[in-house]
């Protein structure tokens, strides 16, 4: 019985970290269509509603937003769709994706 139980417990132990560990991602999005002081607030409100988004910082000065999200709950594409849905298409700033 012990010989059978050991491999099963080892396999279960190896699977648990991959299942329970959320991968937090931070991305910077270019949002060139932001033109007024209210634009960053609109972008932030839209992106914050996406399940899995932990924080959003949108700035008019840089025409960008920094988004921290759990990639087990949402994706970059869903976040970009949220900005587009409120009239602000966004693109990933290359090299800004941080694990």
PDB file of N, CA and C in Angstrom:
ATOM      1  N   UNK A   1       0.816  -1.196   0.000  1.00  0.00           N
ATOM      2  CA  UNK A   1       0.000   0.000   0.000  1.00  0.00           C
ATOM      3  C   UNK A   1       0.859   1.259   0.000  1.00  0.00           C
ATOM      4  N   UNK A   2       1.949   1.239   0.776  1.00  0.00           N
ATOM      5  CA  UNK A   2       2.823   2.399   0.859  1.00  0.00           C
ATOM      6  C   UNK A   2       3.457   2.701  -0.497  1.00  0.00           C
ATOM      7  N   UNK A   3       3.823   1.642  -1.241  1.00  0.00           N
ATOM      8  CA  UNK A   3       4.430   1.825  -2.563  1.00  0.00           C
ATOM      9  C   UNK A   3       3.451   2.472  -3.537  1.00  0.00           C
ATOM     10  N   UNK A   4       2.202   2.186  -3.398  1.00  0.00           N
ATOM     11  CA  UNK A   4       1.183   2.751  -4.274  1.00  0.00           C
ATOM     12  C   UNK A   4       0.849   4.191  -3.889  1.00  0.00           C
ATOM     13  N   UNK A   5       0.805   4.467  -2.621  1.00  0.00           N
ATOM     14  CA  UNK A   5       0.418   5.783  -2.132  1.00  0.00           C
ATOM     15  C   UNK A   5       1.475   6.856  -2.385  1.00  0.00           C
ATOM     16  N   UNK A   6       2.735   6.510  -2.302  1.00  0.00           N
ATOM     17  CA  UNK A   6       3.815   7.479  -2.484  1.00  0.00           C
ATOM     18  C   UNK A   6       3.778   8.146  -3.859  1.00  0.00           C
ATOM     19  N   UNK A   7       3.706   7.401  -4.969  1.00  0.00           N
ATOM     20  CA  UNK A   7       3.652   8.076  -6.282  1.00  0.00           C
ATOM     21  C   UNK A   7       2.393   8.932  -6.467  1.00  0.00           C
ATOM     22  N   UNK A   8       1.294   8.481  -5.895  1.00  0.00           N
ATOM     23  CA  UNK A   8       0.050   9.245  -6.020  1.00  0.00           C
ATOM     24  C   UNK A   8       0.164  10.574  -5.277  1.00  0.00           C
ATOM     25  N   UNK A   9       0.682  10.544  -4.063  1.00  0.00           N
ATOM     26  CA  UNK A   9       0.862  11.774  -3.299  1.00  0.00           C
ATOM     27  C   UNK A   9       1.860  12.710  -3.965  1.00  0.00           C
ATOM     28  N   UNK A  10       2.926  12.159  -4.521  1.00  0.00           N
ATOM     29  CA  UNK A  10       3.918  12.977  -5.213  1.00  0.00           C
ATOM     30  C   UNK A  10       3.289  13.669  -6.422  1.00  0.00           C
ATOM     31  N   UNK A  11       2.519  12.922  -7.199  1.00  0.00           N
ATOM     32  CA  UNK A  11       1.861  13.493  -8.378  1.00  0.00           C
ATOM     33  C   UNK A  11       0.880  14.596  -7.970  1.00  0.00           C
ATOM     34  N   UNK A  12       0.133  14.357  -6.908  1.00  0.00           N
ATOM     35  CA  UNK A  12      -0.816  15.368  -6.437  1.00  0.00           C
ATOM     36  C   UNK A  12      -0.089  16.623  -5.973  1.00  0.00           C
ATOM     37  N   UNK A  13       1.010  16.453  -5.282  1.00  0.00           N
ATOM     38  CA  UNK A  13       1.804  17.581  -4.807  1.00  0.00           C
ATOM     39  C   UNK A  13       2.353  18.399  -5.975  1.00  0.00           C
ATOM     40  N   UNK A  14       2.768  17.744  -7.040  1.00  0.00           N
ATOM     41  CA  UNK A  14       3.326  18.432  -8.204  1.00  0.00           C
ATOM     42  C   UNK A  14       2.251  19.198  -8.969  1.00  0.00           C
ATOM     43  N   UNK A  15       1.028  18.728  -8.945  1.00  0.00           N
ATOM     44  CA  UNK A  15      -0.053  19.395  -9.668  1.00  0.00           C
ATOM     45  C   UNK A  15      -0.590  20.620  -8.943  1.00  0.00           C
ATOM     46  N   UNK A  16      -0.580  20.618  -7.646  1.00  0.00           N
ATOM     47  CA  UNK A  16      -1.181  21.700  -6.864  1.00  0.00           C
ATOM     48  C   UNK A  16      -0.604  23.069  -7.188  1.00  0.00           C
ATOM     49  N   UNK A  17       0.717  23.275  -7.243  1.00  0.00           N
ATOM     50  CA  UNK A  17       1.213  24.626  -7.542  1.00  0.00           C
ATOM     51  C   UNK A  17       0.755  25.152  -8.892  1.00  0.00           C
ATOM     52  N   UNK A  18       0.677  24.295  -9.905  1.00  0.00           N
ATOM     53  CA  UNK A  18       0.283  24.774 -11.223  1.00  0.00           C
ATOM     54  C   UNK A  18      -1.191  25.139 -11.275  1.00  0.00           C
ATOM     55  N   UNK A  19      -1.981  24.547 -10.416  1.00  0.00           N
ATOM     56  CA  UNK A  19      -3.407  24.836 -10.402  1.00  0.00           C
ATOM     57  C   UNK A  19      -3.705  26.092  -9.586  1.00  0.00           C
ATOM     58  N   UNK A  20      -3.054  26.239  -8.445  1.00  0.00           N
ATOM     59  CA  UNK A  20      -3.419  27.312  -7.530  1.00  0.00           C
ATOM     60  C   UNK A  20      -2.655  28.611  -7.725  1.00  0.00           C
ATOM     61  N   UNK A  21      -1.559  28.607  -8.438  1.00  0.00           N
ATOM     62  CA  UNK A  21      -0.762  29.823  -8.580  1.00  0.00           C
ATOM     63  C   UNK A  21      -1.279  30.684  -9.728  1.00  0.00           C
ATOM     64  N   UNK A  22      -1.813  31.827  -9.391  1.00  0.00           N
ATOM     65  CA  UNK A  22      -2.261  32.772 -10.404  1.00  0.00           C
ATOM     66  C   UNK A  22      -1.048  33.513 -10.938  1.00  0.00           C
ATOM     67  N   UNK A  23      -1.078  33.761 -12.220  1.00  0.00           N
ATOM     68  CA  UNK A  23       0.022  34.495 -12.835  1.00  0.00           C
ATOM     69  C   UNK A  23      -0.395  35.950 -12.986  1.00  0.00           C
ATOM     70  N   UNK A  24       0.147  36.796 -12.140  1.00  0.00           N
ATOM     71  CA  UNK A  24      -0.151  38.220 -12.212  1.00  0.00           C
ATOM     72  C   UNK A  24       0.683  38.835 -13.326  1.00  0.00           C
ATOM     73  N   UNK A  25       0.038  39.582 -14.172  1.00  0.00           N
ATOM     74  CA  UNK A  25       0.705  40.238 -15.292  1.00  0.00           C
ATOM     75  C   UNK A  25       0.544  41.751 -15.161  1.00  0.00           C
ATOM     76  N   UNK A  26       1.559  42.474 -15.601  1.00  0.00           N
ATOM     77  CA  UNK A  26       1.487  43.931 -15.671  1.00  0.00           C
ATOM     78  C   UNK A  26       1.805  44.332 -17.102  1.00  0.00           C
ATOM     79  N   UNK A  27       0.913  45.107 -17.702  1.00  0.00           N
ATOM     80  CA  UNK A  27       1.119  45.556 -19.075  1.00  0.00           C
ATOM     81  C   UNK A  27       0.920  47.061 -19.156  1.00  0.00           C
ATOM     82  N   UNK A  28       1.560  47.659 -20.137  1.00  0.00           N
ATOM     83  CA  UNK A  28       1.358  49.082 -20.415  1.00  0.00           C
ATOM     84  C   UNK A  28       0.730  49.186 -21.795  1.00  0.00           C
ATOM     85  N   UNK A  29      -0.397  49.875 -21.848  1.00  0.00           N
ATOM     86  CA  UNK A  29      -1.133  50.035 -23.093  1.00  0.00           C
ATOM     87  C   UNK A  29      -1.029  51.464 -23.600  1.00  0.00           C
ATOM     88  N   UNK A  30      -0.832  51.591 -24.889  1.00  0.00           N
ATOM     89  CA  UNK A  30      -0.877  52.896 -25.538  1.00  0.00           C
ATOM     90  C   UNK A  30      -2.330  53.182 -25.894  1.00  0.00           C
ATOM     91  N   UNK A  31      -2.803  54.367 -25.503  1.00  0.00           N
ATOM     92  CA  UNK A  31      -4.187  54.757 -25.795  1.00  0.00           C
ATOM     93  C   UNK A  31      -4.163  56.177 -26.361  1.00  0.00           C
ATOM     94  N   UNK A  32      -3.791  56.319 -27.633  1.00  0.00           N
ATOM     95  CA  UNK A  32      -3.592  57.649 -28.222  1.00  0.00           C
ATOM     96  C   UNK A  32      -4.861  58.479 -28.388  1.00  0.00           C
ATOM     97  N   UNK A  33      -6.027  57.858 -28.308  1.00  0.00           N
ATOM     98  CA  UNK A  33      -7.265  58.622 -28.508  1.00  0.00           C
ATOM     99  C   UNK A  33      -7.743  59.343 -27.247  1.00  0.00           C
ATOM    100  N   UNK A  34      -7.012  59.226 -26.140  1.00  0.00           N
ATOM    101  CA  UNK A  34      -7.369  60.007 -24.943  1.00  0.00           C
ATOM    102  C   UNK A  34      -6.958  61.456 -25.198  1.00  0.00           C
ATOM    103  N   UNK A  35      -7.942  62.370 -25.141  1.00  0.00           N
ATOM    104  CA  UNK A  35      -7.654  63.764 -25.487  1.00  0.00           C
ATOM    105  C   UNK A  35      -8.067  64.779 -24.431  1.00  0.00           C
ATOM    106  N   UNK A  36      -8.787  64.345 -23.411  1.00  0.00           N
ATOM    107  CA  UNK A  36      -9.233  65.302 -22.392  1.00  0.00           C
ATOM    108  C   UNK A  36      -9.054  64.714 -20.995  1.00  0.00           C
ATOM    109  N   UNK A  37      -9.279  65.542 -19.997  1.00  0.00           N
ATOM    110  CA  UNK A  37      -9.040  65.137 -18.609  1.00  0.00           C
ATOM    111  C   UNK A  37      -9.936  63.993 -18.145  1.00  0.00           C
ATOM    112  N   UNK A  38     -11.110  63.838 -18.741  1.00  0.00           N
ATOM    113  CA  UNK A  38     -12.006  62.761 -18.305  1.00  0.00           C
ATOM    114  C   UNK A  38     -11.689  61.412 -18.951  1.00  0.00           C
ATOM    115  N   UNK A  39     -10.935  61.417 -20.025  1.00  0.00           N
ATOM    116  CA  UNK A  39     -10.628  60.167 -20.739  1.00  0.00           C
ATOM    117  C   UNK A  39      -9.982  59.099 -19.851  1.00  0.00           C
ATOM    118  N   UNK A  40      -8.949  59.421 -19.077  1.00  0.00           N
ATOM    119  CA  UNK A  40      -8.348  58.384 -18.230  1.00  0.00           C
ATOM    120  C   UNK A  40      -9.334  57.784 -17.225  1.00  0.00           C
ATOM    121  N   UNK A  41     -10.256  58.589 -16.728  1.00  0.00           N
ATOM    122  CA  UNK A  41     -11.255  58.084 -15.783  1.00  0.00           C
ATOM    123  C   UNK A  41     -12.208  57.098 -16.459  1.00  0.00           C
ATOM    124  N   UNK A  42     -12.568  57.402 -17.698  1.00  0.00           N
ATOM    125  CA  UNK A  42     -13.454  56.517 -18.457  1.00  0.00           C
ATOM    126  C   UNK A  42     -12.748  55.192 -18.731  1.00  0.00           C
ATOM    127  N   UNK A  43     -11.487  55.265 -19.149  1.00  0.00           N
ATOM    128  CA  UNK A  43     -10.699  54.053 -19.411  1.00  0.00           C
ATOM    129  C   UNK A  43     -10.564  53.230 -18.132  1.00  0.00           C
ATOM    130  N   UNK A  44     -10.208  53.887 -17.044  1.00  0.00           N
ATOM    131  CA  UNK A  44     -10.027  53.178 -15.770  1.00  0.00           C
ATOM    132  C   UNK A  44     -11.319  52.493 -15.340  1.00  0.00           C
ATOM    133  N   UNK A  45     -12.433  53.187 -15.451  1.00  0.00           N
ATOM    134  CA  UNK A  45     -13.718  52.607 -15.057  1.00  0.00           C
ATOM    135  C   UNK A  45     -14.051  51.374 -15.892  1.00  0.00           C
ATOM    136  N   UNK A  46     -13.794  51.441 -17.188  1.00  0.00           N
ATOM    137  CA  UNK A  46     -14.106  50.314 -18.071  1.00  0.00           C
ATOM    138  C   UNK A  46     -13.218  49.109 -17.783  1.00  0.00           C
ATOM    139  N   UNK A  47     -11.928  49.347 -17.630  1.00  0.00           N
ATOM    140  CA  UNK A  47     -10.987  48.241 -17.426  1.00  0.00           C
ATOM    141  C   UNK A  47     -11.161  47.629 -16.037  1.00  0.00           C
ATOM    142  N   UNK A  48     -11.477  48.438 -15.056  1.00  0.00           N
ATOM    143  CA  UNK A  48     -11.681  47.937 -13.695  1.00  0.00           C
ATOM    144  C   UNK A  48     -12.831  46.936 -13.628  1.00  0.00           C
ATOM    145  N   UNK A  49     -13.803  47.064 -14.511  1.00  0.00           N
ATOM    146  CA  UNK A  49     -14.953  46.149 -14.531  1.00  0.00           C
ATOM    147  C   UNK A  49     -14.605  44.760 -15.057  1.00  0.00           C
ATOM    148  N   UNK A  50     -13.468  44.606 -15.715  1.00  0.00           N
ATOM    149  CA  UNK A  50     -13.073  43.307 -16.263  1.00  0.00           C
ATOM    150  C   UNK A  50     -12.654  42.400 -15.108  1.00  0.00           C
ATOM    151  N   UNK A  51     -13.273  41.219 -15.038  1.00  0.00           N
ATOM    152  CA  UNK A  51     -12.940  40.274 -13.974  1.00  0.00           C
ATOM    153  C   UNK A  51     -11.462  39.908 -14.043  1.00  0.00           C
ATOM    154  N   UNK A  52     -10.796  39.961 -12.919  1.00  0.00           N
ATOM    155  CA  UNK A  52      -9.382  39.609 -12.860  1.00  0.00           C
ATOM    156  C   UNK A  52      -8.446  40.797 -12.875  1.00  0.00           C
ATOM    157  N   UNK A  53      -8.959  41.983 -13.194  1.00  0.00           N
ATOM    158  CA  UNK A  53      -8.120  43.184 -13.178  1.00  0.00           C
ATOM    159  C   UNK A  53      -7.948  43.623 -11.732  1.00  0.00           C
ATOM    160  N   UNK A  54      -6.690  43.795 -11.333  1.00  0.00           N
ATOM    161  CA  UNK A  54      -6.388  44.170  -9.952  1.00  0.00           C
ATOM    162  C   UNK A  54      -6.187  45.671  -9.790  1.00  0.00           C
ATOM    163  N   UNK A  55      -5.574  46.313 -10.786  1.00  0.00           N
ATOM    164  CA  UNK A  55      -5.397  47.764 -10.710  1.00  0.00           C
ATOM    165  C   UNK A  55      -5.218  48.347 -12.103  1.00  0.00           C
ATOM    166  N   UNK A  56      -5.580  49.628 -12.215  1.00  0.00           N
ATOM    167  CA  UNK A  56      -5.450  50.362 -13.480  1.00  0.00           C
ATOM    168  C   UNK A  56      -4.974  51.765 -13.153  1.00  0.00           C
ATOM    169  N   UNK A  57      -3.961  52.210 -13.870  1.00  0.00           N
ATOM    170  CA  UNK A  57      -3.494  53.593 -13.747  1.00  0.00           C
ATOM    171  C   UNK A  57      -3.418  54.164 -15.161  1.00  0.00           C
ATOM    172  N   UNK A  58      -4.362  55.021 -15.501  1.00  0.00           N
ATOM    173  CA  UNK A  58      -4.394  55.638 -16.828  1.00  0.00           C
ATOM    174  C   UNK A  58      -3.954  57.091 -16.709  1.00  0.00           C
ATOM    175  N   UNK A  59      -3.096  57.530 -17.640  1.00  0.00           N
ATOM    176  CA  UNK A  59      -2.604  58.907 -17.588  1.00  0.00           C
ATOM    177  C   UNK A  59      -2.754  59.591 -18.937  1.00  0.00           C
ATOM    178  N   UNK A  60      -3.275  60.799 -18.889  1.00  0.00           N
ATOM    179  CA  UNK A  60      -3.427  61.602 -20.094  1.00  0.00           C
ATOM    180  C   UNK A  60      -2.067  62.059 -20.610  1.00  0.00           C
ATOM    181  N   UNK A  61      -1.165  62.382 -19.695  1.00  0.00           N
ATOM    182  CA  UNK A  61       0.153  62.894 -20.078  1.00  0.00           C
ATOM    183  C   UNK A  61       0.923  61.905 -20.960  1.00  0.00           C
ATOM    184  N   UNK A  62       0.814  60.622 -20.636  1.00  0.00           N
ATOM    185  CA  UNK A  62       1.539  59.598 -21.402  1.00  0.00           C
ATOM    186  C   UNK A  62       0.655  58.888 -22.419  1.00  0.00           C
ATOM    187  N   UNK A  63      -0.630  59.228 -22.442  1.00  0.00           N
ATOM    188  CA  UNK A  63      -1.596  58.560 -23.324  1.00  0.00           C
ATOM    189  C   UNK A  63      -1.487  57.041 -23.181  1.00  0.00           C
ATOM    190  N   UNK A  64      -1.479  56.599 -21.928  1.00  0.00           N
ATOM    191  CA  UNK A  64      -1.281  55.173 -21.670  1.00  0.00           C
ATOM    192  C   UNK A  64      -1.995  54.742 -20.395  1.00  0.00           C
ATOM    193  N   UNK A  65      -2.014  53.430 -20.206  1.00  0.00           N
ATOM    194  CA  UNK A  65      -2.558  52.852 -18.978  1.00  0.00           C
ATOM    195  C   UNK A  65      -1.688  51.672 -18.578  1.00  0.00           C
ATOM    196  N   UNK A  66      -1.442  51.563 -17.295  1.00  0.00           N
ATOM    197  CA  UNK A  66      -0.735  50.405 -16.752  1.00  0.00           C
ATOM    198  C   UNK A  66      -1.788  49.560 -16.046  1.00  0.00           C
ATOM    199  N   UNK A  67      -1.871  48.295 -16.449  1.00  0.00           N
ATOM    200  CA  UNK A  67      -2.903  47.401 -15.930  1.00  0.00           C
ATOM    201  C   UNK A  67      -2.244  46.181 -15.297  1.00  0.00           C
ATOM    202  N   UNK A  68      -2.659  45.866 -14.083  1.00  0.00           N
ATOM    203  CA  UNK A  68      -2.213  44.654 -13.397  1.00  0.00           C
ATOM    204  C   UNK A  68      -3.416  43.721 -13.357  1.00  0.00           C
ATOM    205  N   UNK A  69      -3.218  42.483 -13.840  1.00  0.00           N
ATOM    206  CA  UNK A  69      -4.340  41.551 -13.894  1.00  0.00           C
ATOM    207  C   UNK A  69      -3.889  40.115 -13.676  1.00  0.00           C
ATOM    208  N   UNK A  70      -4.843  39.278 -13.317  1.00  0.00           N
ATOM    209  CA  UNK A  70      -4.631  37.849 -13.110  1.00  0.00           C
ATOM    210  C   UNK A  70      -4.942  37.158 -14.437  1.00  0.00           C
ATOM    211  N   UNK A  71      -3.915  36.597 -15.075  1.00  0.00           N
ATOM    212  CA  UNK A  71      -4.144  36.017 -16.399  1.00  0.00           C
ATOM    213  C   UNK A  71      -4.850  34.665 -16.370  1.00  0.00           C
ATOM    214  N   UNK A  72      -5.191  34.182 -15.182  1.00  0.00           N
ATOM    215  CA  UNK A  72      -6.039  32.990 -15.122  1.00  0.00           C
ATOM    216  C   UNK A  72      -7.514  33.380 -15.178  1.00  0.00           C
ATOM    217  N   UNK A  73      -7.807  34.667 -14.997  1.00  0.00           N
ATOM    218  CA  UNK A  73      -9.186  35.146 -15.015  1.00  0.00           C
ATOM    219  C   UNK A  73      -9.515  36.000 -16.233  1.00  0.00           C
ATOM    220  N   UNK A  74      -8.526  36.629 -16.825  1.00  0.00           N
ATOM    221  CA  UNK A  74      -8.768  37.476 -17.994  1.00  0.00           C
ATOM    222  C   UNK A  74      -7.532  37.473 -18.883  1.00  0.00           C
ATOM    223  N   UNK A  75      -7.630  38.173 -19.988  1.00  0.00           N
ATOM    224  CA  UNK A  75      -6.517  38.220 -20.941  1.00  0.00           C
ATOM    225  C   UNK A  75      -6.290  39.654 -21.410  1.00  0.00           C
ATOM    226  N   UNK A  76      -5.157  39.856 -22.026  1.00  0.00           N
ATOM    227  CA  UNK A  76      -4.851  41.161 -22.609  1.00  0.00           C
ATOM    228  C   UNK A  76      -5.924  41.550 -23.623  1.00  0.00           C
ATOM    229  N   UNK A  77      -6.370  40.591 -24.406  1.00  0.00           N
ATOM    230  CA  UNK A  77      -7.380  40.863 -25.428  1.00  0.00           C
ATOM    231  C   UNK A  77      -8.689  41.359 -24.809  1.00  0.00           C
ATOM    232  N   UNK A  78      -9.094  40.771 -23.677  1.00  0.00           N
ATOM    233  CA  UNK A  78     -10.323  41.216 -23.016  1.00  0.00           C
ATOM    234  C   UNK A  78     -10.178  42.639 -22.480  1.00  0.00           C
ATOM    235  N   UNK A  79      -9.004  42.959 -21.985  1.00  0.00           N
ATOM    236  CA  UNK A  79      -8.747  44.308 -21.477  1.00  0.00           C
ATOM    237  C   UNK A  79      -8.773  45.307 -22.632  1.00  0.00           C
ATOM    238  N   UNK A  80      -8.143  44.950 -23.741  1.00  0.00           N
ATOM    239  CA  UNK A  80      -8.152  45.829 -24.909  1.00  0.00           C
ATOM    240  C   UNK A  80      -9.571  46.000 -25.453  1.00  0.00           C
ATOM    241  N   UNK A  81     -10.369  44.957 -25.386  1.00  0.00           N
ATOM    242  CA  UNK A  81     -11.758  45.060 -25.834  1.00  0.00           C
ATOM    243  C   UNK A  81     -12.535  46.025 -24.949  1.00  0.00           C
ATOM    244  N   UNK A  82     -12.246  46.002 -23.647  1.00  0.00           N
ATOM    245  CA  UNK A  82     -12.925  46.919 -22.719  1.00  0.00           C
ATOM    246  C   UNK A  82     -12.600  48.371 -23.051  1.00  0.00           C
ATOM    247  N   UNK A  83     -11.347  48.668 -23.395  1.00  0.00           N
ATOM    248  CA  UNK A  83     -11.005  50.052 -23.755  1.00  0.00           C
ATOM    249  C   UNK A  83     -11.664  50.435 -25.076  1.00  0.00           C
ATOM    250  N   UNK A  84     -11.677  49.513 -26.017  1.00  0.00           N
ATOM    251  CA  UNK A  84     -12.294  49.790 -27.321  1.00  0.00           C
ATOM    252  C   UNK A  84     -13.799  50.001 -27.190  1.00  0.00           C
ATOM    253  N   UNK A  85     -14.427  49.237 -26.308  1.00  0.00           N
ATOM    254  CA  UNK A  85     -15.879  49.348 -26.127  1.00  0.00           C
ATOM    255  C   UNK A  85     -16.317  50.723 -25.636  1.00  0.00           C
ATOM    256  N   UNK A  86     -15.438  51.439 -24.950  1.00  0.00           N
ATOM    257  CA  UNK A  86     -15.782  52.796 -24.490  1.00  0.00           C
ATOM    258  C   UNK A  86     -15.155  53.873 -25.382  1.00  0.00           C
ATOM    259  N   UNK A  87     -14.664  53.459 -26.551  1.00  0.00           N
ATOM    260  CA  UNK A  87     -14.182  54.422 -27.534  1.00  0.00           C
ATOM    261  C   UNK A  87     -12.699  54.722 -27.509  1.00  0.00           C
ATOM    262  N   UNK A  88     -11.927  53.895 -26.814  1.00  0.00           N
ATOM    263  CA  UNK A  88     -10.490  54.132 -26.705  1.00  0.00           C
ATOM    264  C   UNK A  88      -9.697  52.875 -27.071  1.00  0.00           C
ATOM    265  N   UNK A  89      -9.505  52.625 -28.362  1.00  0.00           N
ATOM    266  CA  UNK A  89      -8.710  51.458 -28.755  1.00  0.00           C
ATOM    267  C   UNK A  89      -7.312  51.539 -28.145  1.00  0.00           C
ATOM    268  N   UNK A  90      -6.781  50.392 -27.765  1.00  0.00           N
ATOM    269  CA  UNK A  90      -5.461  50.370 -27.128  1.00  0.00           C
ATOM    270  C   UNK A  90      -4.583  49.300 -27.755  1.00  0.00           C
ATOM    271  N   UNK A  91      -3.283  49.531 -27.661  1.00  0.00           N
ATOM    272  CA  UNK A  91      -2.313  48.542 -28.136  1.00  0.00           C
ATOM    273  C   UNK A  91      -1.252  48.350 -27.062  1.00  0.00           C
ATOM    274  N   UNK A  92      -0.727  47.147 -27.020  1.00  0.00           N
ATOM    275  CA  UNK A  92       0.332  46.838 -26.067  1.00  0.00           C
ATOM    276  C   UNK A  92       1.594  47.579 -26.468  1.00  0.00           C
ATOM    277  N   UNK A  93       2.208  48.243 -25.524  1.00  0.00           N
ATOM    278  CA  UNK A  93       3.505  48.867 -25.778  1.00  0.00           C
ATOM    279  C   UNK A  93       4.534  47.753 -25.690  1.00  0.00           C
ATOM    280  N   UNK A  94       5.195  47.474 -26.797  1.00  0.00           N
ATOM    281  CA  UNK A  94       6.138  46.353 -26.869  1.00  0.00           C
ATOM    282  C   UNK A  94       7.169  46.427 -25.758  1.00  0.00           C
ATOM    283  N   UNK A  95       7.434  45.281 -25.164  1.00  0.00           N
ATOM    284  CA  UNK A  95       8.424  45.213 -24.100  1.00  0.00           C
ATOM    285  C   UNK A  95       7.894  45.633 -22.749  1.00  0.00           C
ATOM    286  N   UNK A  96       6.602  45.933 -22.668  1.00  0.00           N
ATOM    287  CA  UNK A  96       6.058  46.393 -21.388  1.00  0.00           C
ATOM    288  C   UNK A  96       5.455  45.268 -20.567  1.00  0.00           C
ATOM    289  N   UNK A  97       5.335  44.082 -21.157  1.00  0.00           N
ATOM    290  CA  UNK A  97       4.717  42.974 -20.436  1.00  0.00           C
ATOM    291  C   UNK A  97       5.695  42.418 -19.421  1.00  0.00           C
ATOM    292  N   UNK A  98       5.292  42.439 -18.163  1.00  0.00           N
ATOM    293  CA  UNK A  98       6.135  41.980 -17.067  1.00  0.00           C
ATOM    294  C   UNK A  98       5.403  40.874 -16.338  1.00  0.00           C
ATOM    295  N   UNK A  99       6.088  39.776 -16.077  1.00  0.00           N
ATOM    296  CA  UNK A  99       5.447  38.661 -15.367  1.00  0.00           C
ATOM    297  C   UNK A  99       5.368  38.940 -13.896  1.00  0.00           C
TER     298      UNK A  99
END
